[in-house]
Amino acid sequence: MIRKYDDGFSRCQWPGNDELYLEYHDTEWGVPLSGDQEIFERICLEGFQAGLSWITILKRREGFRMAFKNFDYKKVAKFTQSDVDRLMLDERIIRNRSKIESAIKNARLVLEMQKSGESISDVLWQFAPPASKKMQPAKSFEWVAVTPESTAISKELRARGFGFVGPTTMYALMQSIGMVNDHAPGCFRRKELA
């Protein structure tokens, strides 16, 4: 689950030797994140990741940010069919029509939520496990793909019309935004984020 790297740090083994992946692991993954634009970006990226590896998305993240106006949901909500067609030709991103259309629809839903006084960030964070359950005990640690909380988030967002927000995708989101601390026992980041 962990390995000692050449720089002397023990880390989760999943980043391998990829510098971009290591940087993400060391500085972003598991760090508490909130804010509607930030959460919208993560929902989009996790949705595009469905069926692919995270490194595939991470290597294209700057391209996604350019293509989707830095994930400004107010701008993305105004995208039209011609924007979908343009994005289908954009080699910087994953060119999947359903995922592109879902990102645009999700932006409109975030905007609707705000107009009714809600925040996508607040809605998501209400499903966070209590602090005592944010991190699995070292003795029983295992990486999981779905939890009751991720299932509840998925159900809530689907009921609101969001797409590409299945329970597994939502658990990956929970990990990435620090709702849970899934750094493996022995990883230097586990203790830092505890």
C-alpha atoms as a PDB file:
ATOM      1  CA  MET A   1       0.000   0.000   0.000  1.00  0.00           C
ATOM      2  CA  ILE A   2       2.962   2.304   0.619  1.00  0.00           C
ATOM      3  CA  ARG A   3       6.460   2.450  -0.673  1.00  0.00           C
ATOM      4  CA  LYS A   4       9.596   4.370   0.176  1.00  0.00           C
ATOM      5  CA  TYR A   5      10.502   6.736  -2.643  1.00  0.00           C
ATOM      6  CA  ASP A   6      13.924   7.950  -3.733  1.00  0.00           C
ATOM      7  CA  ASP A   7      13.380  11.264  -1.915  1.00  0.00           C
ATOM      8  CA  GLY A   8      13.161   9.364   1.380  1.00  0.00           C
ATOM      9  CA  PHE A   9       9.403   9.804   1.863  1.00  0.00           C
ATOM     10  CA  SER A  10       7.037   6.894   2.360  1.00  0.00           C
ATOM     11  CA  ARG A  11       3.910   7.418   0.298  1.00  0.00           C
ATOM     12  CA  CYS A  12       0.899   5.622  -1.061  1.00  0.00           C
ATOM     13  CA  GLN A  13       2.187   3.502  -3.932  1.00  0.00           C
ATOM     14  CA  TRP A  14      -0.507   4.513  -6.457  1.00  0.00           C
ATOM     15  CA  PRO A  15       1.298   7.594  -7.876  1.00  0.00           C
ATOM     16  CA  GLY A  16       4.138   5.383  -9.085  1.00  0.00           C
ATOM     17  CA  ASN A  17       7.059   7.432 -10.408  1.00  0.00           C
ATOM     18  CA  ASP A  18       5.038   9.976 -12.396  1.00  0.00           C
ATOM     19  CA  GLU A  19       6.095  13.458 -11.234  1.00  0.00           C
ATOM     20  CA  LEU A  20       2.687  15.008 -11.921  1.00  0.00           C
ATOM     21  CA  TYR A  21       0.951  12.226  -9.994  1.00  0.00           C
ATOM     22  CA  LEU A  22       3.407  12.549  -7.100  1.00  0.00           C
ATOM     23  CA  GLU A  23       2.843  16.311  -6.955  1.00  0.00           C
ATOM     24  CA  TYR A  24      -0.931  15.751  -6.896  1.00  0.00           C
ATOM     25  CA  HIS A  25      -0.592  13.135  -4.144  1.00  0.00           C
ATOM     26  CA  ASP A  26       1.692  15.321  -2.043  1.00  0.00           C
ATOM     27  CA  THR A  27      -0.120  18.638  -2.357  1.00  0.00           C
ATOM     28  CA  GLU A  28      -3.778  18.127  -3.346  1.00  0.00           C
ATOM     29  CA  TRP A  29      -5.247  14.680  -2.792  1.00  0.00           C
ATOM     30  CA  GLY A  30      -7.082  14.617   0.500  1.00  0.00           C
ATOM     31  CA  VAL A  31      -6.717  18.330   1.255  1.00  0.00           C
ATOM     32  CA  PRO A  32     -10.080  19.772   2.361  1.00  0.00           C
ATOM     33  CA  LEU A  33     -11.571  21.777  -0.498  1.00  0.00           C
ATOM     34  CA  SER A  34     -14.751  23.814  -0.624  1.00  0.00           C
ATOM     35  CA  GLY A  35     -16.297  26.552  -2.732  1.00  0.00           C
ATOM     36  CA  ASP A  36     -18.782  26.150  -5.543  1.00  0.00           C
ATOM     37  CA  GLN A  37     -16.357  26.711  -8.419  1.00  0.00           C
ATOM     38  CA  GLU A  38     -13.779  24.377  -6.888  1.00  0.00           C
ATOM     39  CA  ILE A  39     -16.349  21.651  -6.238  1.00  0.00           C
ATOM     40  CA  PHE A  40     -17.868  22.099  -9.699  1.00  0.00           C
ATOM     41  CA  GLU A  41     -14.426  21.569 -11.235  1.00  0.00           C
ATOM     42  CA  ARG A  42     -13.896  18.384  -9.241  1.00  0.00           C
ATOM     43  CA  ILE A  43     -17.359  17.039 -10.100  1.00  0.00           C
ATOM     44  CA  CYS A  44     -16.598  17.649 -13.777  1.00  0.00           C
ATOM     45  CA  LEU A  45     -13.133  16.116 -13.686  1.00  0.00           C
ATOM     46  CA  GLU A  46     -14.281  13.087 -11.712  1.00  0.00           C
ATOM     47  CA  GLY A  47     -17.135  12.667 -14.201  1.00  0.00           C
ATOM     48  CA  PHE A  48     -14.727  12.772 -17.132  1.00  0.00           C
ATOM     49  CA  GLN A  49     -12.540  10.262 -15.297  1.00  0.00           C
ATOM     50  CA  ALA A  50     -15.331   7.652 -15.103  1.00  0.00           C
ATOM     51  CA  GLY A  51     -13.983   4.546 -16.833  1.00  0.00           C
ATOM     52  CA  LEU A  52     -10.480   6.007 -17.149  1.00  0.00           C
ATOM     53  CA  SER A  53      -7.480   6.414 -14.873  1.00  0.00           C
ATOM     54  CA  TRP A  54      -7.075   9.608 -12.853  1.00  0.00           C
ATOM     55  CA  ILE A  55      -3.646  10.252 -14.375  1.00  0.00           C
ATOM     56  CA  THR A  56      -5.337  10.482 -17.778  1.00  0.00           C
ATOM     57  CA  ILE A  57      -7.431  13.370 -16.460  1.00  0.00           C
ATOM     58  CA  LEU A  58      -4.621  14.933 -14.453  1.00  0.00           C
ATOM     59  CA  LYS A  59      -2.428  15.184 -17.552  1.00  0.00           C
ATOM     60  CA  ARG A  60      -5.254  16.983 -19.354  1.00  0.00           C
ATOM     61  CA  ARG A  61      -6.423  19.137 -16.453  1.00  0.00           C
ATOM     62  CA  GLU A  62      -4.977  22.389 -17.814  1.00  0.00           C
ATOM     63  CA  GLY A  63      -6.592  21.629 -21.175  1.00  0.00           C
ATOM     64  CA  PHE A  64      -9.904  21.046 -19.406  1.00  0.00           C
ATOM     65  CA  ARG A  65      -9.505  24.326 -17.550  1.00  0.00           C
ATOM     66  CA  MET A  66      -8.940  26.209 -20.803  1.00  0.00           C
ATOM     67  CA  ALA A  67     -11.770  24.429 -22.605  1.00  0.00           C
ATOM     68  CA  PHE A  68     -14.230  24.931 -19.752  1.00  0.00           C
ATOM     69  CA  LYS A  69     -13.386  28.556 -18.923  1.00  0.00           C
ATOM     70  CA  ASN A  70     -11.510  27.623 -15.742  1.00  0.00           C
ATOM     71  CA  PHE A  71     -14.662  25.784 -14.635  1.00  0.00           C
ATOM     72  CA  ASP A  72     -16.533  29.032 -14.109  1.00  0.00           C
ATOM     73  CA  TYR A  73     -19.967  27.422 -13.937  1.00  0.00           C
ATOM     74  CA  LYS A  74     -21.654  30.730 -14.849  1.00  0.00           C
ATOM     75  CA  LYS A  75     -19.797  30.713 -18.171  1.00  0.00           C
ATOM     76  CA  VAL A  76     -20.124  26.961 -18.740  1.00  0.00           C
ATOM     77  CA  ALA A  77     -23.886  27.183 -18.119  1.00  0.00           C
ATOM     78  CA  LYS A  78     -24.105  29.423 -21.197  1.00  0.00           C
ATOM     79  CA  PHE A  79     -22.433  26.882 -23.500  1.00  0.00           C
ATOM     80  CA  THR A  80     -24.516  25.990 -26.544  1.00  0.00           C
ATOM     81  CA  GLN A  81     -24.587  23.114 -28.998  1.00  0.00           C
ATOM     82  CA  SER A  82     -21.863  24.847 -31.004  1.00  0.00           C
ATOM     83  CA  ASP A  83     -19.693  24.772 -27.861  1.00  0.00           C
ATOM     84  CA  VAL A  84     -20.356  21.038 -27.539  1.00  0.00           C
ATOM     85  CA  ASP A  85     -19.324  20.596 -31.184  1.00  0.00           C
ATOM     86  CA  ARG A  86     -16.197  22.694 -30.595  1.00  0.00           C
ATOM     87  CA  LEU A  87     -15.272  20.687 -27.503  1.00  0.00           C
ATOM     88  CA  MET A  88     -15.723  17.424 -29.404  1.00  0.00           C
ATOM     89  CA  LEU A  89     -12.790  18.571 -31.576  1.00  0.00           C
ATOM     90  CA  ASP A  90     -10.620  19.737 -28.664  1.00  0.00           C
ATOM     91  CA  GLU A  91      -7.726  17.297 -28.287  1.00  0.00           C
ATOM     92  CA  ARG A  92      -6.780  18.763 -24.893  1.00  0.00           C
ATOM     93  CA  ILE A  93      -9.762  17.052 -23.216  1.00  0.00           C
ATOM     94  CA  ILE A  94     -11.590  13.729 -23.204  1.00  0.00           C
ATOM     95  CA  ARG A  95     -13.901  14.030 -26.176  1.00  0.00           C
ATOM     96  CA  ASN A  96     -16.991  12.240 -24.926  1.00  0.00           C
ATOM     97  CA  ARG A  97     -20.214  13.963 -25.948  1.00  0.00           C
ATOM     98  CA  SER A  98     -22.248  12.621 -23.010  1.00  0.00           C
ATOM     99  CA  LYS A  99     -19.661  13.821 -20.505  1.00  0.00           C
ATOM    100  CA  ILE A 100     -19.338  17.229 -22.161  1.00  0.00           C
ATOM    101  CA  GLU A 101     -23.110  17.705 -22.208  1.00  0.00           C
ATOM    102  CA  SER A 102     -23.317  16.546 -18.603  1.00  0.00           C
ATOM    103  CA  ALA A 103     -20.697  19.104 -17.502  1.00  0.00           C
ATOM    104  CA  ILE A 104     -22.745  21.873 -19.123  1.00  0.00           C
ATOM    105  CA  LYS A 105     -25.977  20.621 -17.567  1.00  0.00           C
ATOM    106  CA  ASN A 106     -24.272  20.303 -14.174  1.00  0.00           C
ATOM    107  CA  ALA A 107     -23.101  23.929 -14.457  1.00  0.00           C
ATOM    108  CA  ARG A 108     -26.688  25.027 -15.046  1.00  0.00           C
ATOM    109  CA  LEU A 109     -27.811  23.015 -12.027  1.00  0.00           C
ATOM    110  CA  VAL A 110     -25.157  24.636  -9.806  1.00  0.00           C
ATOM    111  CA  LEU A 111     -26.426  28.022 -10.976  1.00  0.00           C
ATOM    112  CA  GLU A 112     -30.043  27.040 -10.236  1.00  0.00           C
ATOM    113  CA  MET A 113     -29.023  25.894  -6.769  1.00  0.00           C
ATOM    114  CA  GLN A 114     -27.382  29.242  -6.095  1.00  0.00           C
ATOM    115  CA  LYS A 115     -30.439  31.110  -7.291  1.00  0.00           C
ATOM    116  CA  SER A 116     -32.489  29.211  -4.712  1.00  0.00           C
ATOM    117  CA  GLY A 117     -29.964  30.003  -1.975  1.00  0.00           C
ATOM    118  CA  GLU A 118     -28.079  26.711  -2.009  1.00  0.00           C
ATOM    119  CA  SER A 119     -24.416  25.890  -2.512  1.00  0.00           C
ATOM    120  CA  ILE A 120     -23.151  22.732  -4.224  1.00  0.00           C
ATOM    121  CA  SER A 121     -20.202  22.814  -1.835  1.00  0.00           C
ATOM    122  CA  ASP A 122     -22.460  22.933   1.229  1.00  0.00           C
ATOM    123  CA  VAL A 123     -24.733  20.216  -0.141  1.00  0.00           C
ATOM    124  CA  LEU A 124     -21.769  17.887  -0.687  1.00  0.00           C
ATOM    125  CA  TRP A 125     -20.094  18.597   2.634  1.00  0.00           C
ATOM    126  CA  GLN A 126     -23.268  17.811   4.576  1.00  0.00           C
ATOM    127  CA  PHE A 127     -22.555  14.162   3.697  1.00  0.00           C
ATOM    128  CA  ALA A 128     -19.044  14.171   5.163  1.00  0.00           C
ATOM    129  CA  PRO A 129     -18.493  11.420   7.698  1.00  0.00           C
ATOM    130  CA  PRO A 130     -17.897  12.590  11.266  1.00  0.00           C
ATOM    131  CA  ALA A 131     -14.291  13.443  12.115  1.00  0.00           C
ATOM    132  CA  SER A 132     -13.953  10.167  14.030  1.00  0.00           C
ATOM    133  CA  LYS A 133     -14.708   8.226  10.825  1.00  0.00           C
ATOM    134  CA  LYS A 134     -12.812  10.417   8.360  1.00  0.00           C
ATOM    135  CA  MET A 135      -9.808   8.087   8.514  1.00  0.00           C
ATOM    136  CA  GLN A 136      -9.877   4.309   8.767  1.00  0.00           C
ATOM    137  CA  PRO A 137      -7.858   2.779  11.606  1.00  0.00           C
ATOM    138  CA  ALA A 138      -4.423   1.669  10.427  1.00  0.00           C
ATOM    139  CA  LYS A 139      -5.034  -1.954  11.464  1.00  0.00           C
ATOM    140  CA  SER A 140      -8.137  -2.343   9.313  1.00  0.00           C
ATOM    141  CA  PHE A 141      -7.220   0.052   6.504  1.00  0.00           C
ATOM    142  CA  GLU A 142      -8.262  -0.857   2.989  1.00  0.00           C
ATOM    143  CA  TRP A 143      -9.011   1.193  -0.069  1.00  0.00           C
ATOM    144  CA  VAL A 144     -12.679   1.045  -0.922  1.00  0.00           C
ATOM    145  CA  ALA A 145     -14.603   2.272  -3.940  1.00  0.00           C
ATOM    146  CA  VAL A 146     -18.032   3.015  -2.451  1.00  0.00           C
ATOM    147  CA  THR A 147     -19.319   4.007   0.977  1.00  0.00           C
ATOM    148  CA  PRO A 148     -22.770   4.779   2.382  1.00  0.00           C
ATOM    149  CA  GLU A 149     -21.832   8.485   2.193  1.00  0.00           C
ATOM    150  CA  SER A 150     -20.781   8.336  -1.470  1.00  0.00           C
ATOM    151  CA  THR A 151     -23.988   6.463  -2.260  1.00  0.00           C
ATOM    152  CA  ALA A 152     -26.007   9.148  -0.466  1.00  0.00           C
ATOM    153  CA  ILE A 153     -24.206  11.945  -2.337  1.00  0.00           C
ATOM    154  CA  SER A 154     -24.839  10.177  -5.631  1.00  0.00           C
ATOM    155  CA  LYS A 155     -28.519   9.741  -4.832  1.00  0.00           C
ATOM    156  CA  GLU A 156     -28.870  13.405  -3.836  1.00  0.00           C
ATOM    157  CA  LEU A 157     -27.118  14.763  -6.918  1.00  0.00           C
ATOM    158  CA  ARG A 158     -28.903  12.403  -9.309  1.00  0.00           C
ATOM    159  CA  ALA A 159     -32.239  13.464  -7.824  1.00  0.00           C
ATOM    160  CA  ARG A 160     -31.254  17.040  -8.657  1.00  0.00           C
ATOM    161  CA  GLY A 161     -30.445  16.057 -12.259  1.00  0.00           C
ATOM    162  CA  PHE A 162     -26.635  15.864 -12.115  1.00  0.00           C
ATOM    163  CA  GLY A 163     -24.908  13.405 -14.421  1.00  0.00           C
ATOM    164  CA  PHE A 164     -21.821  11.225 -14.048  1.00  0.00           C
ATOM    165  CA  VAL A 165     -22.128  11.256 -10.271  1.00  0.00           C
ATOM    166  CA  GLY A 166     -22.324   7.540  -9.464  1.00  0.00           C
ATOM    167  CA  PRO A 167     -21.335   6.236  -6.011  1.00  0.00           C
ATOM    168  CA  THR A 168     -17.817   5.234  -7.088  1.00  0.00           C
ATOM    169  CA  THR A 169     -17.222   8.586  -8.781  1.00  0.00           C
ATOM    170  CA  MET A 170     -18.518  10.381  -5.697  1.00  0.00           C
ATOM    171  CA  TYR A 171     -16.204   8.390  -3.446  1.00  0.00           C
ATOM    172  CA  ALA A 172     -13.249   9.429  -5.595  1.00  0.00           C
ATOM    173  CA  LEU A 173     -14.495  13.007  -5.164  1.00  0.00           C
ATOM    174  CA  MET A 174     -14.719  12.542  -1.390  1.00  0.00           C
ATOM    175  CA  GLN A 175     -11.108  11.354  -1.357  1.00  0.00           C
ATOM    176  CA  SER A 176      -9.850  14.169  -3.546  1.00  0.00           C
ATOM    177  CA  ILE A 177     -11.557  16.983  -1.610  1.00  0.00           C
ATOM    178  CA  GLY A 178     -10.483  15.714   1.799  1.00  0.00           C
ATOM    179  CA  MET A 179     -13.874  14.554   2.982  1.00  0.00           C
ATOM    180  CA  VAL A 180     -12.031  11.368   3.933  1.00  0.00           C
ATOM    181  CA  ASN A 181      -8.336  10.740   4.512  1.00  0.00           C
ATOM    182  CA  ASP A 182      -7.465   7.648   2.499  1.00  0.00           C
ATOM    183  CA  HIS A 183      -3.709   8.026   2.525  1.00  0.00           C
ATOM    184  CA  ALA A 184      -2.403   4.600   3.479  1.00  0.00           C
ATOM    185  CA  PRO A 185      -0.950   3.960   6.931  1.00  0.00           C
ATOM    186  CA  GLY A 186       2.717   4.900   6.785  1.00  0.00           C
ATOM    187  CA  CYS A 187       2.228   7.544   4.073  1.00  0.00           C
ATOM    188  CA  PHE A 188       3.634  10.864   5.285  1.00  0.00           C
ATOM    189  CA  ARG A 189       0.506  12.680   4.084  1.00  0.00           C
ATOM    190  CA  ARG A 190      -1.835  10.568   6.237  1.00  0.00           C
ATOM    191  CA  LYS A 191      -0.408  12.056   9.423  1.00  0.00           C
ATOM    192  CA  GLU A 192      -0.160  15.591   7.970  1.00  0.00           C
ATOM    193  CA  LEU A 193      -3.854  15.579   7.030  1.00  0.00           C
ATOM    194  CA  ALA A 194      -5.089  13.817  10.181  1.00  0.00           C
END
